[in-house]
Protein backbone atom coordinates (compact mmCIF):
# COMPACT_ATOMS: atom_id res chain seq x y z
CA UNK A 1 207.52 48.41 62.68
CA UNK A 2 207.68 52.00 61.54
CA UNK A 3 208.73 54.63 64.05
CA UNK A 4 205.98 56.92 65.24
CA UNK A 5 206.31 60.36 63.80
CA UNK A 6 204.59 63.22 65.57
CA UNK A 7 203.37 66.11 63.46
CA UNK A 8 204.56 69.45 64.72
CA UNK A 9 202.88 72.53 63.31
CA UNK A 10 203.57 76.09 64.26
CA UNK A 11 199.94 76.17 65.34
CA UNK A 12 200.26 73.05 67.46
CA UNK A 13 202.98 74.36 69.76
CA UNK A 14 201.05 74.89 73.00
CA UNK A 15 201.26 78.52 74.04
CA UNK A 16 201.26 77.39 77.67
CA UNK A 17 204.49 75.42 77.26
CA UNK A 18 207.09 76.68 79.76
CA UNK A 19 210.65 75.39 79.88
CA UNK A 20 211.03 72.71 82.54
CA UNK A 21 214.23 74.34 83.77
CA UNK A 22 216.08 77.53 82.84
CA UNK A 23 217.85 77.39 79.49
CA UNK A 24 221.31 78.96 79.45
CA UNK A 25 222.98 79.69 76.13
CA UNK A 26 226.57 78.71 75.44
CA UNK A 27 226.92 81.86 73.34
CA UNK A 28 225.73 84.87 75.37
CA UNK A 29 224.66 85.29 79.00
CA UNK A 30 223.99 88.74 80.44
CA UNK A 31 223.93 87.80 84.12
CA UNK A 32 227.49 88.01 85.48
CA UNK A 33 226.73 85.95 88.58
CA UNK A 34 228.02 88.64 90.95
CA UNK A 35 224.94 90.84 91.23
CA UNK A 36 225.66 92.67 87.97
CA UNK A 37 224.66 92.27 84.33
CA UNK A 38 226.12 93.33 81.00
CA UNK A 39 224.27 94.73 78.02
CA UNK A 40 222.72 93.53 75.88
CA UNK A 41 220.53 91.45 78.16
CA UNK A 42 219.53 89.47 75.05
CA UNK A 43 222.00 89.48 72.17
CA UNK A 44 219.30 88.66 69.66
CA UNK A 45 216.88 90.50 67.41
CA UNK A 46 213.90 91.25 69.66
CA UNK A 47 213.07 94.48 67.92
CA UNK A 48 210.89 97.26 69.39
CA UNK A 49 210.48 95.54 72.78
CA UNK A 50 207.72 96.37 75.24
CA UNK A 51 207.59 95.15 78.84
CA UNK A 52 205.20 94.97 81.80
CA UNK A 53 205.21 93.61 85.34
CA UNK A 54 202.35 91.57 86.77
CA UNK A 55 202.94 90.82 90.46
CA UNK A 56 206.44 89.27 90.59
CA UNK A 57 206.66 88.43 86.89
CA UNK A 58 207.89 90.47 83.94
CA UNK A 59 206.67 89.88 80.39
CA UNK A 60 208.02 91.18 77.11
CA UNK A 61 206.98 91.09 73.48
CA UNK A 62 208.59 92.45 70.32
CA UNK A 63 208.13 93.03 66.61
CA UNK A 64 208.10 89.86 64.51
CA UNK A 65 207.28 91.29 61.07
CA UNK A 66 206.54 88.41 58.63
CA UNK A 67 208.08 85.61 60.75
CA UNK A 68 205.72 82.92 62.05
CA UNK A 69 204.94 82.13 64.78
CA UNK A 70 204.97 85.82 65.64
CA UNK A 71 204.63 88.12 68.64
CA UNK A 72 207.12 86.36 70.94
CA UNK A 73 206.25 86.20 74.63
CA UNK A 74 209.24 86.30 76.97
CA UNK A 75 209.19 85.92 80.75
CA UNK A 76 211.61 87.06 83.45
CA UNK A 77 211.79 87.31 87.20
CA UNK A 78 214.49 89.99 87.32
CA UNK A 79 214.55 91.87 83.95
CA UNK A 80 217.97 90.39 83.16
CA UNK A 81 217.32 86.67 82.68
CA UNK A 82 214.67 86.01 80.04
CA UNK A 83 213.11 82.89 78.58
CA UNK A 84 210.93 82.56 75.52
CA UNK A 85 207.66 80.95 76.68
CA UNK A 86 205.52 81.14 73.56
CA UNK A 87 204.05 83.26 70.79
CA UNK A 88 200.76 85.11 70.66
CA UNK A 89 200.42 84.79 66.88
CA UNK A 90 200.63 81.22 65.50
CA UNK A 91 199.31 82.37 62.11
CA UNK A 92 199.40 85.84 60.58
CA UNK A 93 196.25 87.42 59.19
CA UNK A 94 195.03 87.74 56.47
CA UNK A 95 195.99 84.08 56.10
CA UNK A 96 196.25 83.97 52.29
CA UNK A 97 198.28 87.16 52.13
CA UNK A 98 200.85 85.85 54.60
CA UNK A 99 201.05 82.40 53.02
CA UNK A 100 203.63 84.06 50.77
CA UNK A 101 206.81 85.66 52.08
CA UNK A 102 206.16 89.32 52.96
CA UNK A 103 209.54 90.66 54.03
CA UNK A 104 209.36 93.68 56.34
CA UNK A 105 205.58 93.54 56.63
CA UNK A 106 203.29 92.14 59.32
CA UNK A 107 203.80 92.88 63.01
CA UNK A 108 205.33 96.27 63.80
CA UNK A 109 206.11 97.61 67.30
CA UNK A 110 203.58 95.93 69.60
CA UNK A 111 202.51 97.06 73.08
CA UNK A 112 201.72 94.61 75.86
CA UNK A 113 199.46 95.60 78.76
CA UNK A 114 197.62 93.97 81.68
CA UNK A 115 194.12 95.28 82.41
CA UNK A 116 191.41 93.89 84.67
CA UNK A 117 192.84 90.39 84.79
CA UNK A 118 193.68 90.06 81.08
CA UNK A 119 196.78 90.53 78.95
CA UNK A 120 196.43 92.68 75.83
CA UNK A 121 198.74 93.10 72.86
CA UNK A 122 198.18 95.84 70.30
CA UNK A 123 200.22 95.91 67.11
CA UNK A 124 200.19 97.78 63.85
CA UNK A 125 200.29 96.10 60.47
CA UNK A 126 201.25 98.95 58.11
CA UNK A 127 199.17 97.51 55.27
CA UNK A 128 195.99 96.59 57.14
CA UNK A 129 195.64 98.51 60.38
CA UNK A 130 195.80 98.15 64.14
CA UNK A 131 195.11 94.75 65.71
CA UNK A 132 194.45 93.59 69.27
CA UNK A 133 194.83 90.17 70.91
CA UNK A 134 194.15 89.20 74.51
CA UNK A 135 194.67 86.27 76.88
CA UNK A 136 194.04 85.26 80.46
CA UNK A 137 197.64 84.02 80.79
CA UNK A 138 200.69 85.57 79.14
CA UNK A 139 201.78 82.18 77.82
CA UNK A 140 198.40 81.85 76.13
CA UNK A 141 196.23 80.77 74.54
CA UNK A 142 195.74 84.15 72.86
CA UNK A 143 192.70 85.25 70.92
CA UNK A 144 192.84 85.70 67.17
CA UNK A 145 193.81 89.22 66.10
CA UNK A 146 190.88 91.64 66.14
CA UNK A 147 191.03 94.62 63.76
CA UNK A 148 190.64 97.69 65.99
CA UNK A 149 191.21 100.28 63.28
CA UNK A 150 191.49 99.60 59.56
CA UNK A 151 193.81 101.70 57.46
CA UNK A 152 197.18 101.91 55.75
CA UNK A 153 200.15 103.30 57.60
CA UNK A 154 198.68 102.99 61.11
CA UNK A 155 201.54 101.70 63.26
CA UNK A 156 202.97 101.46 66.77
CA UNK A 157 199.77 101.54 68.87
CA UNK A 158 199.84 101.82 72.65
CA UNK A 159 196.71 101.79 74.87
CA UNK A 160 195.97 103.46 78.18
CA UNK A 161 193.02 102.82 80.48
CA UNK A 162 192.51 105.93 82.64
CA UNK A 163 191.29 106.04 86.24
CA UNK A 164 187.85 107.26 85.14
CA UNK A 165 187.29 104.09 83.07
CA UNK A 166 187.85 105.74 79.69
CA UNK A 167 190.37 104.21 77.31
CA UNK A 168 192.71 105.75 74.74
CA UNK A 169 195.12 104.68 72.03
CA UNK A 170 198.14 106.58 70.76
CA UNK A 171 199.78 105.60 67.47
CA UNK A 172 202.17 106.77 64.76
CA UNK A 173 202.15 106.71 60.95
CA UNK A 174 204.36 104.92 58.43
CA UNK A 175 205.20 107.37 55.69
CA UNK A 176 205.65 104.56 53.16
CA UNK A 177 201.92 103.76 53.37
CA UNK A 178 200.18 106.81 54.82
CA UNK A 179 202.16 109.47 53.01
CA UNK A 180 202.76 111.24 56.33
CA UNK A 181 205.00 110.50 59.30
CA UNK A 182 206.68 112.13 62.30
CA UNK A 183 203.43 112.79 64.14
CA UNK A 184 201.65 111.08 67.03
CA UNK A 185 197.86 110.80 67.14
CA UNK A 186 195.62 110.06 70.14
CA UNK A 187 192.11 108.59 69.83
CA UNK A 188 189.57 107.58 72.42
CA UNK A 189 188.93 103.85 72.49
CA UNK A 190 185.99 101.83 73.71
CA UNK A 191 186.80 100.58 77.23
CA UNK A 192 186.67 96.97 76.00
CA UNK A 193 189.61 97.78 73.71
CA UNK A 194 187.93 96.59 70.51
CA UNK A 195 187.47 99.81 68.50
CA UNK A 196 188.21 103.51 68.42
CA UNK A 197 185.49 106.06 69.13
CA UNK A 198 186.91 108.84 66.95
CA UNK A 199 189.50 109.51 64.28
CA UNK A 200 191.92 110.97 66.79
CA UNK A 201 193.77 114.23 67.29
CA UNK A 202 197.39 115.07 66.56
CA UNK A 203 199.10 115.57 69.90
CA UNK A 204 202.70 115.92 68.75
CA UNK A 205 204.42 117.05 65.56
CA UNK A 206 208.05 116.00 65.36
CA UNK A 207 208.93 117.57 62.03
CA UNK A 208 210.83 120.52 63.50
CA UNK A 209 213.29 118.72 65.78
CA UNK A 210 212.25 115.09 66.18
CA UNK A 211 211.71 113.70 62.71
CA UNK A 212 210.54 110.08 62.47
CA UNK A 213 209.09 110.15 65.97
CA UNK A 214 207.27 106.85 66.34
CA UNK A 215 206.95 103.80 68.61
CA UNK A 216 205.01 105.60 71.39
CA UNK A 217 204.41 103.91 74.74
CA UNK A 218 201.64 105.46 76.88
CA UNK A 219 201.70 105.76 80.70
CA UNK A 220 200.21 107.78 83.55
CA UNK A 221 202.37 108.63 86.57
CA UNK A 222 201.99 111.12 89.40
CA UNK A 223 199.21 113.01 87.65
CA UNK A 224 201.00 113.32 84.30
CA UNK A 225 200.37 111.52 81.05
CA UNK A 226 203.72 110.34 79.66
CA UNK A 227 204.46 109.16 76.15
CA UNK A 228 207.86 107.57 75.58
CA UNK A 229 208.70 107.82 71.88
CA UNK A 230 211.92 107.35 69.90
CA UNK A 231 212.95 109.81 67.24
CA UNK A 232 215.71 110.25 64.69
CA UNK A 233 215.59 106.83 63.06
CA UNK A 234 216.51 103.31 64.02
CA UNK A 235 220.30 103.38 63.81
CA UNK A 236 221.19 106.84 65.13
CA UNK A 237 218.09 107.98 67.00
CA UNK A 238 217.40 108.97 70.59
CA UNK A 239 214.68 108.54 73.21
CA UNK A 240 212.18 111.35 73.65
CA UNK A 241 209.55 111.66 76.39
CA UNK A 242 206.39 113.77 76.23
CA UNK A 243 204.30 114.80 79.25
CA UNK A 244 201.09 116.68 79.93
CA UNK A 245 198.48 117.10 82.67
CA UNK A 246 195.81 116.89 79.96
CA UNK A 247 195.60 113.72 77.91
CA UNK A 248 195.17 115.71 74.68
CA UNK A 249 198.02 118.07 75.53
CA UNK A 250 199.71 120.34 74.95
CA UNK A 251 202.68 118.05 75.58
CA UNK A 252 206.08 119.22 76.73
CA UNK A 253 208.95 117.09 75.51
CA UNK A 254 212.50 116.28 76.50
CA UNK A 255 215.31 114.03 75.26
CA UNK A 256 215.99 111.54 78.06
CA UNK A 257 218.57 109.19 76.50
CA UNK A 258 221.03 109.38 73.63
CA UNK A 259 224.27 107.72 72.59
CA UNK A 260 226.40 110.43 74.15
CA UNK A 261 230.02 109.34 74.46
CA UNK A 262 229.20 105.62 74.43
CA UNK A 263 229.59 103.08 71.62
CA UNK A 264 225.90 102.12 71.94
CA UNK A 265 224.27 103.72 68.91
CA UNK A 266 220.64 104.71 68.53
CA UNK A 267 219.54 103.67 72.01
CA UNK A 268 215.76 103.97 71.99
CA UNK A 269 212.28 102.46 71.52
CA UNK A 270 211.13 100.27 74.32
CA UNK A 271 209.15 100.02 77.53
CA UNK A 272 209.30 101.44 81.04
CA UNK A 273 208.67 99.15 83.99
CA UNK A 274 208.76 99.49 87.78
CA UNK A 275 209.99 96.72 90.08
CA UNK A 276 208.38 95.53 93.30
CA UNK A 277 210.98 97.54 95.22
CA UNK A 278 210.05 100.78 93.45
CA UNK A 279 212.98 100.96 91.02
CA UNK A 280 212.40 102.19 87.48
CA UNK A 281 213.96 100.52 84.42
CA UNK A 282 213.77 100.85 80.65
CA UNK A 283 214.18 98.06 78.10
CA UNK A 284 215.04 99.16 74.56
CA UNK A 285 216.98 98.09 71.48
CA UNK A 286 220.27 98.92 69.82
CA UNK A 287 220.52 98.42 66.07
CA UNK A 288 223.46 96.12 65.35
CA UNK A 289 222.77 95.89 61.61
CA UNK A 290 223.53 92.27 60.63
CA UNK A 291 222.63 91.04 64.14
CA UNK A 292 219.37 92.96 64.29
CA UNK A 293 218.00 95.12 67.08
CA UNK A 294 219.40 93.62 70.24
CA UNK A 295 217.89 94.14 73.70
CA UNK A 296 219.32 96.45 76.38
CA UNK A 297 218.29 97.24 79.95
CA UNK A 298 218.96 100.65 81.51
CA UNK A 299 218.22 102.13 84.93
CA UNK A 300 215.80 105.03 85.01
CA UNK A 301 215.72 107.87 87.55
CA UNK A 302 213.59 110.99 87.90
CA UNK A 303 214.46 114.69 88.05
CA UNK A 304 211.76 117.34 88.34
CA UNK A 305 209.14 115.04 86.88
CA UNK A 306 211.29 113.95 83.94
CA UNK A 307 212.94 110.55 83.56
CA UNK A 308 216.63 110.09 82.88
CA UNK A 309 217.41 106.76 81.21
CA UNK A 310 220.88 105.35 81.73
CA UNK A 311 223.49 107.52 83.44
CA UNK A 312 223.80 111.30 83.09
CA UNK A 313 227.57 111.37 82.65
CA UNK A 314 228.06 115.11 81.99
CA UNK A 315 225.24 116.75 83.92
CA UNK A 316 223.20 117.78 80.87
CA UNK A 317 220.08 115.97 82.10
CA UNK A 318 220.24 113.39 79.30
CA UNK A 319 221.10 109.79 80.10
CA UNK A 320 223.63 107.62 78.27
CA UNK A 321 223.21 103.83 78.06
CA UNK A 322 225.23 101.64 80.42
CA UNK A 323 227.42 98.77 79.30
CA UNK A 324 227.19 97.03 82.69
CA UNK A 325 225.28 97.73 85.89
CA UNK A 326 223.93 96.19 89.07
CA UNK A 327 220.91 93.96 88.60
CA UNK A 328 217.43 95.26 89.47
CA UNK A 329 216.26 94.81 93.05
CA UNK A 330 213.35 92.37 92.85
CA UNK A 331 213.67 91.01 96.36
CA UNK A 332 215.29 87.72 95.38
CA UNK A 333 218.14 86.20 93.37
CA UNK A 334 217.14 84.25 90.28
CA UNK A 335 219.22 81.85 88.16
CA UNK A 336 220.68 82.68 84.79
CA UNK A 337 218.35 82.09 81.86
CA UNK A 338 218.32 82.89 78.15
CA UNK A 339 216.04 82.28 75.18
CA UNK A 340 216.71 78.88 73.63
CA UNK A 341 219.03 78.54 70.66
CA UNK A 342 220.33 74.94 70.45
CA UNK A 343 217.84 72.14 69.80
CA UNK A 344 218.48 68.41 70.16
CA UNK A 345 215.07 67.61 68.59
CA UNK A 346 214.40 65.16 71.43
CA UNK A 347 211.21 66.76 72.78
CA UNK A 348 207.61 66.37 71.73
CA UNK A 349 207.65 69.91 70.40
CA UNK A 350 209.84 71.96 68.15
CA UNK A 351 211.89 74.54 70.05
CA UNK A 352 210.11 77.87 70.47
CA UNK A 353 213.02 79.72 68.85
CA UNK A 354 212.13 78.43 65.37
CA UNK A 355 210.16 80.52 62.86
CA UNK A 356 209.12 80.29 59.22
CA UNK A 357 209.22 83.03 56.60
CA UNK A 358 205.45 82.76 56.04
CA UNK A 359 202.38 80.95 57.34
CA UNK A 360 203.42 77.28 57.28
CA UNK A 361 201.87 74.24 55.67
CA UNK A 362 201.26 71.21 57.89
CA UNK A 363 203.58 69.07 55.75
CA UNK A 364 206.83 70.97 56.19
CA UNK A 365 208.11 69.67 59.51
CA UNK A 366 207.71 66.63 61.73
CA UNK A 367 209.51 65.35 64.78
CA UNK A 368 210.44 61.70 64.73
CA UNK A 369 210.02 61.01 68.43
CA UNK A 370 211.46 57.49 68.17
CA UNK A 371 214.70 58.46 66.45
CA UNK A 372 214.79 61.91 68.09
CA UNK A 373 215.23 63.71 64.82
CA UNK A 374 213.75 66.66 63.01
CA UNK A 375 212.37 65.77 59.60
CA UNK A 376 211.93 68.38 56.89
CA UNK A 377 210.00 67.23 53.84
CA UNK A 378 210.86 69.17 50.73
CA UNK A 379 208.38 71.69 49.40
CA UNK A 380 208.27 73.04 45.87
CA UNK A 381 210.31 76.13 45.10
CA UNK A 382 207.79 78.96 44.42
CA UNK A 383 207.07 79.49 40.74
CA UNK A 384 207.59 83.24 40.99
CA UNK A 385 210.80 83.09 43.05
CA UNK A 386 214.28 83.59 41.62
CA UNK A 387 216.18 82.67 44.78
CA UNK A 388 215.64 81.55 48.38
CA UNK A 389 214.64 85.03 49.59
CA UNK A 390 211.05 84.24 48.60
CA UNK A 391 211.01 80.64 49.86
CA UNK A 392 208.53 80.33 52.76
CA UNK A 393 209.66 76.98 54.21
CA UNK A 394 212.97 78.10 55.68
CA UNK A 395 213.13 77.04 59.34
CA UNK A 396 215.05 79.91 60.92
CA UNK A 397 216.02 81.42 64.24
CA UNK A 398 217.68 84.63 65.41
CA UNK A 399 221.44 84.83 65.77
CA UNK A 400 222.26 84.59 69.53
CA UNK A 401 225.50 86.55 69.75
CA UNK A 402 228.27 88.39 67.98
CA UNK A 403 230.35 85.29 67.27
CA UNK A 404 229.34 81.65 67.50
CA UNK A 405 229.43 78.26 65.78
CA UNK A 406 226.55 76.05 64.67
CA UNK A 407 226.84 72.30 64.15
CA UNK A 408 224.24 69.97 62.68
CA UNK A 409 224.12 66.44 61.30
CA UNK A 410 221.87 65.72 58.32
CA UNK A 411 220.74 62.47 56.69
CA UNK A 412 219.46 63.24 53.20
CA UNK A 413 216.77 60.98 51.71
CA UNK A 414 215.72 62.47 48.38
CA UNK A 415 212.86 61.02 46.40
CA UNK A 416 213.60 58.66 43.53
CA UNK A 417 211.53 60.86 41.21
CA UNK A 418 214.30 63.23 40.16
CA UNK A 419 212.86 66.25 41.97
CA UNK A 420 216.16 68.14 42.21
CA UNK A 421 215.84 68.39 45.97
CA UNK A 422 218.27 70.40 48.07
CA UNK A 423 218.54 70.39 51.88
CA UNK A 424 221.00 71.93 54.29
CA UNK A 425 221.98 74.87 56.46
CA UNK A 426 221.48 78.54 55.58
CA UNK A 427 222.16 82.05 56.83
CA UNK A 428 219.46 84.35 55.49
CA UNK A 429 219.21 88.12 55.16
CA UNK A 430 218.75 90.37 52.16
CA UNK A 431 221.46 88.14 50.79
CA UNK A 432 222.20 84.58 51.88
CA UNK A 433 224.57 81.65 51.79
CA UNK A 434 223.75 77.95 52.08
CA UNK A 435 225.65 74.68 52.30
CA UNK A 436 223.56 71.69 51.27
CA UNK A 437 223.22 68.31 49.66
CA UNK A 438 221.53 68.31 46.27
CA UNK A 439 220.06 65.39 44.35
CA UNK A 440 221.11 65.38 40.69
CA UNK A 441 220.66 62.83 37.91
CA UNK A 442 224.09 61.31 38.49
CA UNK A 443 224.06 61.32 42.29
CA UNK A 444 224.23 63.48 45.40
CA UNK A 445 226.34 66.63 45.42
CA UNK A 446 227.59 68.86 48.20
CA UNK A 447 226.81 72.44 47.05
CA UNK A 448 227.66 75.90 48.37
CA UNK A 449 225.55 78.74 47.00
CA UNK A 450 225.38 82.45 47.75
CA UNK A 451 223.32 85.47 46.77
CA UNK A 452 224.64 88.95 47.51
CA UNK A 453 221.47 90.77 46.45
CA UNK A 454 218.65 88.30 46.85
CA UNK A 455 216.09 90.95 47.80
CA UNK A 456 216.15 92.35 44.27
CA UNK A 457 215.62 88.96 42.65
CA UNK A 458 219.18 88.24 41.58
CA UNK A 459 219.79 84.52 41.04
CA UNK A 460 222.14 82.79 43.43
CA UNK A 461 225.68 81.88 42.48
CA UNK A 462 227.03 78.33 42.61
CA UNK A 463 230.36 78.69 44.44
CA UNK A 464 231.23 75.04 45.04
CA UNK A 465 229.94 71.60 44.06
CA UNK A 466 231.38 68.17 44.82
CA UNK A 467 229.89 64.75 44.26
CA UNK A 468 229.88 62.63 47.42
CA UNK A 469 229.17 58.97 48.06
CA UNK A 470 227.15 59.32 51.26
CA UNK A 471 223.80 60.82 52.17
CA UNK A 472 224.99 61.63 55.71
CA UNK A 473 226.81 64.91 56.22
CA UNK A 474 227.91 67.17 59.07
CA UNK A 475 227.55 70.92 58.50
CA UNK A 476 229.29 73.65 60.45
CA UNK A 477 228.64 77.40 60.26
CA UNK A 478 230.87 79.84 62.13
CA UNK A 479 229.99 83.52 62.54
CA UNK A 480 232.82 85.89 63.41
CA UNK A 481 232.67 89.21 65.26
CA UNK A 482 233.04 91.12 61.99
CA UNK A 483 229.81 89.51 60.69
CA UNK A 484 231.44 87.00 58.38
CA UNK A 485 230.03 83.50 57.89
CA UNK A 486 232.40 80.61 57.29
CA UNK A 487 231.11 77.18 56.26
CA UNK A 488 232.71 73.77 56.62
CA UNK A 489 231.64 70.14 56.33
CA UNK A 490 232.60 66.64 57.37
CA UNK A 491 231.66 63.21 56.11
CA UNK A 492 232.62 61.46 59.36
CA UNK A 493 231.84 64.07 62.01
CA UNK A 494 235.48 64.38 63.05
CA UNK A 495 237.59 66.08 60.40
CA UNK A 496 236.03 69.20 58.88
CA UNK A 497 236.99 70.85 55.63
CA UNK A 498 236.43 74.58 55.37
CA UNK A 499 235.25 76.33 52.22
CA UNK A 500 237.54 79.00 50.84
CA UNK A 501 234.85 81.63 50.27
CA UNK A 502 233.47 83.26 53.43
CA UNK A 503 230.19 85.15 53.17
CA UNK A 504 229.63 88.70 54.37
CA UNK A 505 226.42 88.51 56.39
CA UNK A 506 223.65 90.88 55.36
CA UNK A 507 220.79 92.15 57.49
CA UNK A 508 217.23 91.22 56.62
CA UNK A 509 214.33 93.57 55.94
CA UNK A 510 213.98 95.48 59.27
CA UNK A 511 215.57 92.47 60.99
CA UNK A 512 218.95 90.87 61.53
CA UNK A 513 220.13 87.87 59.57
CA UNK A 514 218.83 84.46 60.66
CA UNK A 515 220.29 80.97 60.68
CA UNK A 516 218.53 77.68 60.07
CA UNK A 517 217.62 74.70 57.93
CA UNK A 518 215.73 74.04 54.71
CA UNK A 519 214.60 71.42 52.21
CA UNK A 520 213.37 72.56 48.79
CA UNK A 521 212.54 70.77 45.54
CA UNK A 522 212.07 72.01 41.98
CA UNK A 523 209.14 69.82 40.85
CA UNK A 524 205.63 68.83 41.92
CA UNK A 525 205.14 65.34 43.35
CA UNK A 526 202.73 63.24 45.36
CA UNK A 527 205.50 62.10 47.73
CA UNK A 528 208.60 64.19 48.32
CA UNK A 529 211.91 63.24 49.79
CA UNK A 530 213.04 64.40 53.19
CA UNK A 531 216.03 65.35 55.30
CA UNK A 532 216.51 64.32 58.93
CA UNK A 533 218.50 66.52 61.32
CA UNK A 534 219.80 65.00 64.55
CA UNK A 535 220.62 68.27 66.33
CA UNK A 536 221.24 71.99 65.89
CA UNK A 537 223.91 73.03 68.40
CA UNK A 538 225.22 76.52 69.02
CA UNK A 539 228.36 77.32 70.99
CA UNK A 540 230.79 80.14 71.48
């Protein structure tokens, strides 16, 4: 009797799925267990985060670019311990466009808000315009994206519903599409949030002193309109705040956080949130290049109507980010929790941490619930691709820390139709490295391949190949603190042999490198081979 195999699509993962108990990573935990936390609160690439509080719950979303499912939804009770509870975007629109890999495109800098009993997310797609989704529950289900404003280069939208019932949207421009940047524009929006009522007015010009101002987040507090907006670029920028009594300005502005004398570069772009006890906090990112834009939490205080984010160490009125601090006062103590990274493939659903490089087909991945294995069927290598950078069916997740080790066991079952199938483990950025089994005419080979410049179409290099007598293999990938990837393998699961050529990890397009699994073939068939994975375990 054949084992029952349950189809798992990215679309079929229920948005309302919550972890049964807190997940705690073996790689990175921010909560120190003594009433303090260390930054980053999430050592993973949740870029351009935005955060809100609804009653006693905090919710966060972040940029997801071309990765699917997109628009991650994270939940916390204390701003330190976060769990991934779903995604708002199971498919990216337009569907045909995002069926191919679109590196660096898609979802840029979303804002999440709660208004009149509904959650809203606004995001900019630099090639199509500003979209809005909404849901009754943060975990979903979410509506399909609605195009609020069509146009190229419209990015980083943030809404505000005023006390008089009128609604507004502030946004920035991507110079690569619009031909202009470094300005913020405010438009009135229909109160239902579905469309803009005018073309908008420029309310801030950053060209003189705050070039590349973008990522605005819109608030009203104590009679002032506040816009929190980063400037200066991703890696070495700072956090600016604008304020005005009139929604259209003129806006005063002040730098409220910069790197200062710390080793935390470019601290900026995120969301301001207030706890139940009245404390103010700011969640933002730090660009760690190969690791992506990792998530920090900083205290926020007020001085003469201006916020100070972090700690003002030299009395200049500008905060510097903290490396460690006391946890926020939320009226209770909550257990440690982190987004998932390891997966034993023993649930009815694929772990929420997994993403594809494009809108998925329903034939790529299944869970064998009887054997408790993940099955990847091979899919044909794209005709117009020269390497794996343009392969959509890579099952990937964010790196969870500065240094860690991944172990997986794979059983390779290639087709008997000579499809030149290859399946294994991969670390993917603008360049990549993979260790895999490959089906050739004379048998199965263990192969190690790298590409130092995959983004420009350079073919990969075959570094190592060895014929083996088994279709069962154990792969190990170790990432070191200097962003080097070292691969090893075992045929018995006990003694591992390391490869002599480590790989220098490369960042992706606006993202950090990712790790994961794949199964690709070179030919068309009516029945492909497959690879079964028994686990994907991460540890320090």
